[in-house]
N, C-alpha and C. Protein backbone atom coordinates (compact mmCIF):
# COMPACT_ATOMS: atom_id res chain seq x y z
N MET A 1 -7.87 4.87 28.52
CA MET A 1 -8.79 3.82 28.92
C MET A 1 -8.84 3.71 30.44
N ALA A 2 -7.68 3.81 31.12
CA ALA A 2 -7.64 3.72 32.57
C ALA A 2 -8.45 4.84 33.21
N ALA A 3 -8.40 6.03 32.64
CA ALA A 3 -9.17 7.15 33.17
C ALA A 3 -10.66 6.88 33.08
N ALA A 4 -11.11 6.25 32.00
CA ALA A 4 -12.53 5.93 31.85
C ALA A 4 -12.97 4.93 32.91
N ILE A 5 -12.12 3.98 33.23
CA ILE A 5 -12.45 2.99 34.25
C ILE A 5 -12.55 3.66 35.61
N LEU A 6 -11.64 4.58 35.91
CA LEU A 6 -11.71 5.29 37.19
C LEU A 6 -12.98 6.11 37.30
N VAL A 7 -13.38 6.75 36.23
CA VAL A 7 -14.60 7.55 36.24
C VAL A 7 -15.81 6.65 36.50
N VAL A 8 -15.85 5.50 35.87
CA VAL A 8 -16.96 4.58 36.08
C VAL A 8 -16.97 4.08 37.53
N LEU A 9 -15.81 3.72 38.07
CA LEU A 9 -15.75 3.26 39.46
C LEU A 9 -16.20 4.36 40.41
N PHE A 10 -15.77 5.59 40.16
CA PHE A 10 -16.18 6.71 40.99
C PHE A 10 -17.69 6.93 40.91
N ALA A 11 -18.24 6.80 39.74
CA ALA A 11 -19.68 6.98 39.57
C ALA A 11 -20.46 5.93 40.36
N PHE A 12 -19.99 4.66 40.34
CA PHE A 12 -20.67 3.62 41.13
C PHE A 12 -20.55 3.90 42.61
N SER A 13 -19.39 4.38 43.05
CA SER A 13 -19.20 4.70 44.46
C SER A 13 -20.14 5.81 44.89
N ALA A 14 -20.31 6.82 44.05
CA ALA A 14 -21.20 7.92 44.38
C ALA A 14 -22.64 7.44 44.48
N VAL A 15 -23.06 6.55 43.59
CA VAL A 15 -24.41 6.02 43.64
C VAL A 15 -24.61 5.22 44.93
N ASP A 16 -23.62 4.38 45.29
CA ASP A 16 -23.72 3.60 46.51
C ASP A 16 -23.81 4.52 47.72
N ALA A 17 -23.03 5.59 47.75
CA ALA A 17 -23.05 6.52 48.87
C ALA A 17 -24.41 7.20 48.98
N ASP A 18 -25.01 7.57 47.84
CA ASP A 18 -26.33 8.19 47.88
C ASP A 18 -27.38 7.23 48.40
N ALA A 19 -27.31 5.98 47.97
CA ALA A 19 -28.26 4.97 48.45
C ALA A 19 -28.10 4.76 49.95
N ALA A 20 -26.85 4.76 50.44
CA ALA A 20 -26.59 4.57 51.87
C ALA A 20 -27.14 5.74 52.68
N ASP A 21 -27.10 6.96 52.12
CA ASP A 21 -27.63 8.13 52.83
C ASP A 21 -29.13 8.01 53.06
N ASP A 22 -29.85 7.31 52.20
CA ASP A 22 -31.29 7.16 52.32
C ASP A 22 -31.69 6.00 53.23
N ALA A 23 -30.75 5.16 53.60
CA ALA A 23 -31.06 3.98 54.41
C ALA A 23 -31.43 4.38 55.83
N PRO A 24 -32.40 3.67 56.44
CA PRO A 24 -32.68 3.93 57.85
C PRO A 24 -31.42 3.63 58.67
N THR A 25 -31.21 4.39 59.72
CA THR A 25 -30.01 4.25 60.54
C THR A 25 -30.38 3.99 61.99
N VAL A 26 -29.67 3.08 62.60
CA VAL A 26 -29.80 2.84 64.04
C VAL A 26 -28.50 3.31 64.68
N ILE A 27 -28.64 4.13 65.71
CA ILE A 27 -27.48 4.67 66.42
C ILE A 27 -27.35 3.90 67.73
N VAL A 28 -26.15 3.37 67.97
CA VAL A 28 -25.93 2.49 69.11
C VAL A 28 -24.70 2.94 69.90
N ARG A 29 -24.90 3.14 71.18
CA ARG A 29 -23.77 3.38 72.07
C ARG A 29 -23.17 2.02 72.41
N LEU A 30 -21.85 1.91 72.37
CA LEU A 30 -21.19 0.66 72.70
C LEU A 30 -20.22 0.89 73.85
N ASP A 31 -20.48 0.23 74.98
CA ASP A 31 -19.62 0.33 76.17
C ASP A 31 -18.77 -0.93 76.24
N ASN A 32 -17.48 -0.78 76.13
CA ASN A 32 -16.55 -1.91 76.11
C ASN A 32 -15.97 -2.16 77.51
N LEU A 33 -16.82 -2.58 78.44
CA LEU A 33 -16.37 -2.85 79.81
C LEU A 33 -15.53 -4.12 79.88
N ALA A 34 -15.63 -4.99 78.88
CA ALA A 34 -14.86 -6.24 78.84
C ALA A 34 -13.44 -6.01 78.31
N LEU A 35 -13.17 -4.80 77.87
CA LEU A 35 -11.86 -4.44 77.30
C LEU A 35 -11.48 -5.33 76.12
N VAL A 36 -12.42 -5.51 75.22
CA VAL A 36 -12.17 -6.26 73.99
C VAL A 36 -11.10 -5.49 73.20
N PRO A 37 -10.07 -6.17 72.70
CA PRO A 37 -9.03 -5.46 71.93
C PRO A 37 -9.64 -4.66 70.77
N ALA A 38 -9.07 -3.50 70.52
CA ALA A 38 -9.61 -2.56 69.53
C ALA A 38 -9.82 -3.19 68.16
N GLY A 39 -8.86 -3.96 67.69
CA GLY A 39 -9.00 -4.60 66.37
C GLY A 39 -10.16 -5.58 66.33
N ASP A 40 -10.33 -6.36 67.39
CA ASP A 40 -11.46 -7.30 67.46
C ASP A 40 -12.78 -6.56 67.54
N LEU A 41 -12.79 -5.47 68.31
CA LEU A 41 -14.02 -4.69 68.46
C LEU A 41 -14.40 -4.04 67.12
N ASP A 42 -13.43 -3.49 66.42
CA ASP A 42 -13.71 -2.90 65.10
C ASP A 42 -14.29 -3.94 64.15
N PHE A 43 -13.69 -5.15 64.15
CA PHE A 43 -14.18 -6.21 63.28
C PHE A 43 -15.61 -6.60 63.67
N ALA A 44 -15.87 -6.76 64.98
CA ALA A 44 -17.20 -7.14 65.45
C ALA A 44 -18.25 -6.09 65.10
N GLU A 45 -17.90 -4.82 65.27
CA GLU A 45 -18.84 -3.75 64.90
C GLU A 45 -19.13 -3.80 63.40
N GLY A 46 -18.10 -4.02 62.61
CA GLY A 46 -18.28 -4.12 61.16
C GLY A 46 -19.16 -5.30 60.78
N ARG A 47 -18.96 -6.42 61.44
CA ARG A 47 -19.77 -7.61 61.14
C ARG A 47 -21.22 -7.39 61.55
N ALA A 48 -21.45 -6.85 62.73
CA ALA A 48 -22.83 -6.58 63.16
C ALA A 48 -23.48 -5.58 62.21
N ALA A 49 -22.73 -4.55 61.81
CA ALA A 49 -23.28 -3.57 60.87
C ALA A 49 -23.61 -4.22 59.53
N ALA A 50 -22.79 -5.18 59.10
CA ALA A 50 -23.04 -5.88 57.83
C ALA A 50 -24.33 -6.70 57.90
N VAL A 51 -24.61 -7.30 59.06
CA VAL A 51 -25.86 -8.05 59.24
C VAL A 51 -27.05 -7.12 58.98
N PHE A 52 -26.98 -5.91 59.54
CA PHE A 52 -28.07 -4.94 59.35
C PHE A 52 -28.06 -4.37 57.94
N SER A 53 -26.88 -4.19 57.38
CA SER A 53 -26.77 -3.66 56.02
C SER A 53 -27.49 -4.54 55.01
N ARG A 54 -27.50 -5.84 55.26
CA ARG A 54 -28.16 -6.78 54.35
C ARG A 54 -29.67 -6.59 54.30
N ILE A 55 -30.22 -5.88 55.29
CA ILE A 55 -31.67 -5.57 55.25
C ILE A 55 -31.89 -4.09 54.97
N GLY A 56 -30.82 -3.40 54.57
CA GLY A 56 -30.94 -1.99 54.18
C GLY A 56 -30.87 -1.01 55.33
N VAL A 57 -30.28 -1.42 56.45
CA VAL A 57 -30.18 -0.55 57.63
C VAL A 57 -28.71 -0.28 57.93
N GLN A 58 -28.40 0.99 58.17
CA GLN A 58 -27.05 1.38 58.57
C GLN A 58 -26.97 1.39 60.09
N VAL A 59 -25.79 1.07 60.62
CA VAL A 59 -25.54 1.16 62.05
C VAL A 59 -24.43 2.17 62.28
N THR A 60 -24.68 3.10 63.19
CA THR A 60 -23.66 4.06 63.60
C THR A 60 -23.32 3.75 65.05
N TRP A 61 -22.05 3.46 65.29
CA TRP A 61 -21.58 3.12 66.63
C TRP A 61 -21.01 4.36 67.31
N ILE A 62 -21.35 4.54 68.57
CA ILE A 62 -20.80 5.65 69.36
C ILE A 62 -20.14 5.04 70.59
N PRO A 63 -18.81 5.18 70.71
CA PRO A 63 -18.14 4.65 71.90
C PRO A 63 -18.61 5.37 73.17
N GLU A 64 -18.57 4.66 74.27
CA GLU A 64 -19.02 5.19 75.56
C GLU A 64 -18.37 6.54 75.88
N GLN A 65 -17.05 6.65 75.69
CA GLN A 65 -16.34 7.88 76.05
C GLN A 65 -16.89 9.08 75.29
N ILE A 66 -17.17 8.91 74.01
CA ILE A 66 -17.69 10.01 73.20
C ILE A 66 -19.12 10.35 73.60
N ALA A 67 -19.92 9.33 73.86
CA ALA A 67 -21.31 9.57 74.28
C ALA A 67 -21.34 10.37 75.58
N VAL A 68 -20.48 10.01 76.53
CA VAL A 68 -20.43 10.72 77.81
C VAL A 68 -19.90 12.13 77.61
N ARG A 69 -18.78 12.25 76.90
CA ARG A 69 -18.15 13.56 76.69
C ARG A 69 -19.07 14.55 76.00
N ASP A 70 -19.78 14.05 74.96
CA ASP A 70 -20.62 14.94 74.15
C ASP A 70 -22.09 14.94 74.59
N HIS A 71 -22.39 14.26 75.68
CA HIS A 71 -23.77 14.18 76.20
C HIS A 71 -24.74 13.65 75.14
N VAL A 72 -24.30 12.62 74.43
CA VAL A 72 -25.12 11.98 73.40
C VAL A 72 -25.85 10.81 74.05
N MET A 73 -27.15 10.72 73.80
CA MET A 73 -27.95 9.62 74.35
C MET A 73 -28.60 8.84 73.21
N PRO A 74 -27.85 7.92 72.60
CA PRO A 74 -28.42 7.12 71.51
C PRO A 74 -29.61 6.29 72.01
N PRO A 75 -30.48 5.89 71.09
CA PRO A 75 -31.67 5.14 71.50
C PRO A 75 -31.36 3.72 72.00
N PHE A 76 -30.19 3.18 71.67
CA PHE A 76 -29.83 1.82 72.09
C PHE A 76 -28.41 1.80 72.63
N THR A 77 -28.18 0.90 73.60
CA THR A 77 -26.85 0.71 74.16
C THR A 77 -26.54 -0.78 74.20
N VAL A 78 -25.32 -1.14 73.78
CA VAL A 78 -24.81 -2.49 73.91
C VAL A 78 -23.59 -2.41 74.83
N VAL A 79 -23.61 -3.23 75.88
CA VAL A 79 -22.53 -3.23 76.86
C VAL A 79 -21.80 -4.57 76.77
N LEU A 80 -20.50 -4.53 76.54
CA LEU A 80 -19.69 -5.73 76.51
C LEU A 80 -19.14 -5.95 77.91
N ILE A 81 -19.45 -7.11 78.50
CA ILE A 81 -19.05 -7.41 79.87
C ILE A 81 -18.35 -8.76 79.93
N LYS A 82 -17.83 -9.08 81.10
CA LYS A 82 -17.29 -10.41 81.36
C LYS A 82 -18.18 -11.08 82.40
N SER A 83 -18.10 -12.40 82.45
CA SER A 83 -18.90 -13.15 83.43
C SER A 83 -18.54 -12.69 84.83
N GLY A 84 -19.51 -12.79 85.70
CA GLY A 84 -19.27 -12.42 87.09
C GLY A 84 -20.40 -12.94 87.95
N SER A 85 -20.22 -12.84 89.23
CA SER A 85 -21.21 -13.38 90.16
C SER A 85 -22.56 -12.67 90.04
N ASP A 86 -22.55 -11.42 89.61
CA ASP A 86 -23.82 -10.69 89.49
C ASP A 86 -24.73 -11.26 88.40
N LEU A 87 -24.19 -12.06 87.48
CA LEU A 87 -25.01 -12.68 86.44
C LEU A 87 -25.81 -13.87 86.96
N THR A 88 -25.36 -14.46 88.07
CA THR A 88 -26.04 -15.65 88.59
C THR A 88 -27.41 -15.33 89.17
N VAL A 89 -27.70 -14.07 89.43
CA VAL A 89 -29.01 -13.71 89.97
C VAL A 89 -30.08 -13.75 88.89
N ARG A 90 -29.67 -13.90 87.64
CA ARG A 90 -30.61 -14.01 86.52
C ARG A 90 -30.48 -15.40 85.91
N PRO A 91 -31.26 -16.38 86.41
CA PRO A 91 -31.11 -17.77 85.96
C PRO A 91 -31.23 -17.96 84.46
N ALA A 92 -31.99 -17.13 83.78
CA ALA A 92 -32.20 -17.29 82.34
C ALA A 92 -30.92 -17.06 81.55
N ILE A 93 -29.92 -16.44 82.15
CA ILE A 93 -28.71 -16.13 81.40
C ILE A 93 -27.49 -16.92 81.86
N VAL A 94 -27.72 -18.00 82.60
CA VAL A 94 -26.61 -18.79 83.13
C VAL A 94 -25.66 -19.22 82.01
N ASP A 95 -26.19 -19.68 80.89
CA ASP A 95 -25.34 -20.14 79.78
C ASP A 95 -25.39 -19.22 78.56
N ALA A 96 -26.06 -18.11 78.66
CA ALA A 96 -26.27 -17.23 77.51
C ALA A 96 -25.01 -16.46 77.16
N LEU A 97 -24.90 -16.09 75.89
CA LEU A 97 -23.81 -15.23 75.44
C LEU A 97 -24.16 -13.76 75.58
N GLY A 98 -25.43 -13.48 75.76
CA GLY A 98 -25.88 -12.11 75.92
C GLY A 98 -27.32 -12.09 76.37
N PHE A 99 -27.77 -10.90 76.72
CA PHE A 99 -29.17 -10.72 77.10
C PHE A 99 -29.56 -9.27 76.83
N ALA A 100 -30.82 -9.08 76.54
CA ALA A 100 -31.31 -7.75 76.19
C ALA A 100 -32.46 -7.37 77.11
N ASP A 101 -32.54 -6.10 77.42
CA ASP A 101 -33.66 -5.57 78.20
C ASP A 101 -34.27 -4.42 77.39
N PRO A 102 -35.26 -4.75 76.54
CA PRO A 102 -35.86 -3.71 75.70
C PRO A 102 -36.50 -2.57 76.49
N SER A 103 -36.90 -2.83 77.74
CA SER A 103 -37.55 -1.76 78.53
C SER A 103 -36.60 -0.60 78.81
N VAL A 104 -35.29 -0.87 78.78
CA VAL A 104 -34.30 0.20 78.97
C VAL A 104 -33.41 0.36 77.75
N SER A 105 -33.75 -0.34 76.66
CA SER A 105 -33.01 -0.25 75.39
C SER A 105 -31.54 -0.57 75.54
N ARG A 106 -31.25 -1.57 76.38
CA ARG A 106 -29.86 -1.95 76.63
C ARG A 106 -29.69 -3.46 76.51
N ALA A 107 -28.60 -3.85 75.87
CA ALA A 107 -28.24 -5.26 75.76
C ALA A 107 -26.83 -5.45 76.31
N HIS A 108 -26.60 -6.63 76.85
CA HIS A 108 -25.27 -6.99 77.35
C HIS A 108 -24.78 -8.21 76.58
N VAL A 109 -23.51 -8.20 76.23
CA VAL A 109 -22.87 -9.35 75.59
C VAL A 109 -21.73 -9.78 76.51
N ILE A 110 -21.69 -11.07 76.82
CA ILE A 110 -20.73 -11.61 77.78
C ILE A 110 -19.52 -12.13 76.99
N TYR A 111 -18.51 -11.27 76.89
CA TYR A 111 -17.40 -11.50 75.98
C TYR A 111 -16.58 -12.75 76.28
N ASP A 112 -16.29 -13.03 77.56
CA ASP A 112 -15.46 -14.20 77.84
C ASP A 112 -16.18 -15.50 77.46
N ARG A 113 -17.50 -15.51 77.47
CA ARG A 113 -18.24 -16.68 77.01
C ARG A 113 -18.14 -16.81 75.49
N VAL A 114 -18.16 -15.69 74.81
CA VAL A 114 -17.98 -15.71 73.35
C VAL A 114 -16.60 -16.27 73.02
N GLU A 115 -15.58 -15.77 73.71
CA GLU A 115 -14.21 -16.26 73.50
C GLU A 115 -14.11 -17.76 73.76
N ALA A 116 -14.67 -18.21 74.88
CA ALA A 116 -14.58 -19.63 75.25
C ALA A 116 -15.26 -20.52 74.22
N LEU A 117 -16.35 -20.06 73.66
CA LEU A 117 -17.09 -20.86 72.69
C LEU A 117 -16.30 -21.05 71.39
N THR A 118 -15.42 -20.13 71.09
CA THR A 118 -14.67 -20.21 69.83
C THR A 118 -13.28 -20.82 69.99
N GLU A 119 -12.91 -21.23 71.19
CA GLU A 119 -11.57 -21.78 71.42
C GLU A 119 -11.27 -23.00 70.55
N ARG A 120 -12.26 -23.86 70.35
CA ARG A 120 -12.05 -25.07 69.55
C ARG A 120 -12.79 -24.98 68.21
N SER A 121 -12.89 -23.78 67.70
CA SER A 121 -13.63 -23.56 66.46
C SER A 121 -12.75 -22.77 65.49
N GLN A 122 -13.07 -22.85 64.22
CA GLN A 122 -12.37 -22.02 63.24
C GLN A 122 -12.95 -20.61 63.19
N LEU A 123 -14.08 -20.41 63.84
CA LEU A 123 -14.71 -19.09 63.89
C LEU A 123 -13.97 -18.23 64.90
N SER A 124 -13.65 -17.01 64.53
CA SER A 124 -12.92 -16.13 65.46
C SER A 124 -13.87 -15.54 66.49
N ALA A 125 -13.32 -15.18 67.63
CA ALA A 125 -14.12 -14.55 68.68
C ALA A 125 -14.70 -13.23 68.17
N ALA A 126 -13.94 -12.49 67.37
CA ALA A 126 -14.43 -11.21 66.84
C ALA A 126 -15.62 -11.41 65.93
N SER A 127 -15.59 -12.46 65.12
CA SER A 127 -16.70 -12.76 64.21
C SER A 127 -17.96 -13.14 64.99
N LEU A 128 -17.80 -14.06 65.95
CA LEU A 128 -18.96 -14.47 66.77
C LEU A 128 -19.46 -13.29 67.59
N LEU A 129 -18.56 -12.46 68.09
CA LEU A 129 -18.96 -11.27 68.86
C LEU A 129 -19.86 -10.38 68.01
N GLY A 130 -19.50 -10.17 66.75
CA GLY A 130 -20.33 -9.37 65.86
C GLY A 130 -21.71 -9.96 65.68
N ASP A 131 -21.78 -11.29 65.53
CA ASP A 131 -23.08 -11.95 65.39
C ASP A 131 -23.93 -11.80 66.65
N VAL A 132 -23.30 -11.96 67.82
CA VAL A 132 -24.03 -11.85 69.08
C VAL A 132 -24.51 -10.41 69.30
N ILE A 133 -23.68 -9.44 68.96
CA ILE A 133 -24.09 -8.03 69.07
C ILE A 133 -25.30 -7.78 68.17
N ALA A 134 -25.24 -8.25 66.93
CA ALA A 134 -26.38 -8.07 66.01
C ALA A 134 -27.63 -8.74 66.56
N HIS A 135 -27.48 -9.95 67.11
CA HIS A 135 -28.61 -10.69 67.67
C HIS A 135 -29.24 -9.91 68.83
N GLU A 136 -28.41 -9.45 69.77
CA GLU A 136 -28.94 -8.74 70.94
C GLU A 136 -29.55 -7.39 70.54
N LEU A 137 -28.94 -6.71 69.58
CA LEU A 137 -29.51 -5.46 69.08
C LEU A 137 -30.85 -5.74 68.41
N GLY A 138 -30.96 -6.88 67.74
CA GLY A 138 -32.23 -7.30 67.16
C GLY A 138 -33.31 -7.42 68.23
N HIS A 139 -32.95 -7.97 69.40
CA HIS A 139 -33.92 -8.07 70.50
C HIS A 139 -34.40 -6.69 70.95
N LEU A 140 -33.52 -5.71 70.90
CA LEU A 140 -33.91 -4.37 71.34
C LEU A 140 -34.86 -3.70 70.36
N ILE A 141 -34.71 -4.02 69.08
CA ILE A 141 -35.52 -3.36 68.05
C ILE A 141 -36.80 -4.12 67.75
N LEU A 142 -36.73 -5.44 67.75
CA LEU A 142 -37.90 -6.26 67.40
C LEU A 142 -38.87 -6.38 68.56
N PRO A 143 -40.16 -6.51 68.26
CA PRO A 143 -41.13 -6.75 69.34
C PRO A 143 -41.06 -8.20 69.82
N GLY A 144 -41.44 -8.42 71.05
CA GLY A 144 -41.54 -9.78 71.56
C GLY A 144 -40.20 -10.47 71.70
N PRO A 145 -40.23 -11.79 71.91
CA PRO A 145 -38.98 -12.52 72.13
C PRO A 145 -38.07 -12.52 70.90
N GLY A 146 -38.65 -12.53 69.70
CA GLY A 146 -37.87 -12.35 68.49
C GLY A 146 -37.05 -13.53 68.00
N HIS A 147 -37.10 -14.69 68.66
CA HIS A 147 -36.32 -15.83 68.17
C HIS A 147 -37.02 -16.51 67.00
N THR A 148 -36.20 -17.03 66.09
CA THR A 148 -36.69 -17.78 64.94
C THR A 148 -35.91 -19.09 64.85
N THR A 149 -36.32 -19.94 63.94
CA THR A 149 -35.61 -21.21 63.76
C THR A 149 -34.41 -21.06 62.84
N ARG A 150 -34.31 -19.92 62.14
CA ARG A 150 -33.17 -19.69 61.26
C ARG A 150 -32.80 -18.21 61.30
N GLY A 151 -31.63 -17.91 60.77
CA GLY A 151 -31.20 -16.52 60.71
C GLY A 151 -30.48 -16.07 61.98
N ILE A 152 -30.14 -14.81 62.00
CA ILE A 152 -29.36 -14.24 63.10
C ILE A 152 -30.12 -14.29 64.43
N MET A 153 -31.44 -14.38 64.39
CA MET A 153 -32.24 -14.37 65.62
C MET A 153 -32.60 -15.77 66.12
N ARG A 154 -31.97 -16.82 65.61
CA ARG A 154 -32.25 -18.15 66.16
C ARG A 154 -31.65 -18.20 67.57
N SER A 155 -32.22 -19.04 68.41
CA SER A 155 -31.80 -19.06 69.81
C SER A 155 -30.48 -19.81 70.02
N GLY A 156 -30.13 -20.74 69.15
CA GLY A 156 -28.89 -21.47 69.30
C GLY A 156 -27.73 -20.78 68.59
N VAL A 157 -26.52 -21.23 68.90
CA VAL A 157 -25.32 -20.65 68.30
C VAL A 157 -24.62 -21.72 67.48
N ASP A 158 -24.22 -21.35 66.27
CA ASP A 158 -23.46 -22.25 65.41
C ASP A 158 -22.05 -21.69 65.33
N VAL A 159 -21.08 -22.46 65.85
CA VAL A 159 -19.70 -21.96 65.87
C VAL A 159 -18.90 -22.42 64.65
N HIS A 160 -19.57 -23.00 63.68
CA HIS A 160 -18.89 -23.38 62.45
C HIS A 160 -18.81 -22.18 61.53
N VAL A 161 -17.81 -22.16 60.70
CA VAL A 161 -17.67 -21.08 59.72
C VAL A 161 -18.80 -21.23 58.71
N HIS A 162 -19.55 -20.17 58.50
CA HIS A 162 -20.68 -20.20 57.58
C HIS A 162 -20.91 -18.80 57.04
N PRO A 163 -21.67 -18.68 55.97
CA PRO A 163 -21.96 -17.34 55.46
C PRO A 163 -22.69 -16.52 56.52
N MET A 164 -22.47 -15.24 56.48
CA MET A 164 -23.11 -14.35 57.44
C MET A 164 -24.63 -14.46 57.34
N GLU A 165 -25.26 -14.55 58.50
CA GLU A 165 -26.72 -14.62 58.52
C GLU A 165 -27.28 -13.23 58.80
N THR A 166 -28.54 -13.08 58.48
CA THR A 166 -29.21 -11.82 58.76
C THR A 166 -30.61 -12.12 59.28
N PHE A 167 -31.47 -11.15 59.25
CA PHE A 167 -32.82 -11.29 59.76
C PHE A 167 -33.73 -11.93 58.72
N THR A 168 -34.80 -12.58 59.19
CA THR A 168 -35.78 -13.12 58.25
C THR A 168 -36.51 -11.96 57.58
N GLY A 169 -37.23 -12.24 56.51
CA GLY A 169 -37.98 -11.20 55.81
C GLY A 169 -38.94 -10.44 56.72
N PRO A 170 -39.79 -11.14 57.49
CA PRO A 170 -40.70 -10.42 58.40
C PRO A 170 -39.96 -9.58 59.44
N GLN A 171 -38.85 -10.12 59.98
CA GLN A 171 -38.08 -9.35 60.95
C GLN A 171 -37.48 -8.10 60.31
N ALA A 172 -36.96 -8.26 59.11
CA ALA A 172 -36.37 -7.12 58.39
C ALA A 172 -37.41 -6.02 58.21
N ARG A 173 -38.61 -6.41 57.80
CA ARG A 173 -39.68 -5.41 57.61
C ARG A 173 -40.04 -4.72 58.93
N GLN A 174 -40.07 -5.47 60.03
CA GLN A 174 -40.38 -4.89 61.33
C GLN A 174 -39.29 -3.91 61.76
N ILE A 175 -38.03 -4.28 61.56
CA ILE A 175 -36.92 -3.41 61.95
C ILE A 175 -36.95 -2.11 61.15
N VAL A 176 -37.08 -2.23 59.84
CA VAL A 176 -37.10 -1.04 58.98
C VAL A 176 -38.29 -0.15 59.34
N SER A 177 -39.44 -0.75 59.55
CA SER A 177 -40.63 0.03 59.92
C SER A 177 -40.43 0.75 61.24
N ARG A 178 -39.86 0.07 62.21
CA ARG A 178 -39.66 0.71 63.51
C ARG A 178 -38.68 1.88 63.39
N LEU A 179 -37.63 1.72 62.60
CA LEU A 179 -36.64 2.78 62.46
C LEU A 179 -37.18 3.96 61.66
N ILE A 180 -38.04 3.67 60.68
CA ILE A 180 -38.58 4.76 59.86
C ILE A 180 -39.80 5.41 60.52
N HIS A 181 -40.70 4.58 61.03
CA HIS A 181 -41.98 5.09 61.52
C HIS A 181 -42.11 5.07 63.04
N GLY A 182 -41.14 4.48 63.70
CA GLY A 182 -41.20 4.40 65.17
C GLY A 182 -42.20 3.38 65.68
N ARG A 183 -42.57 2.42 64.84
CA ARG A 183 -43.51 1.39 65.30
C ARG A 183 -43.11 0.04 64.80
């Protein structure tokens, strides 16, 4: 009987793997200039990938060192940084956790602000970091400002523990279309 259960579990895993192979994929270079601890970064990447997985999109992360070494130029880059005086020249990001520049396909996430926001919260910095990465990556893929009143693309941040959010239905369709058809 145990062998039959293993065979069934293996069969479900194979089906899931085949479905994942057909999913549109976004490849993202991630530069960890903020020196986020490896365990937190792994968790944040997994959480951001899960946000996209809920709309049927896979995320492949490429660390900066590998991208440089192998001369890989992914279509999107997310840079993890810390606050600094150079951010004050952009008034729109004075209090922001991140910002995206779709014209160069690059987003920045300000890690020490993410950490500070979670100091008095039950939400971990790694969890919020994953949400902010997904949000900023959404700005790179979606047309226009991309903010909504609900979902991962809302402009405000909720530091309470809550179920993982994802993109709205129209945003999901736009993301999948852009990844599949380039528009």
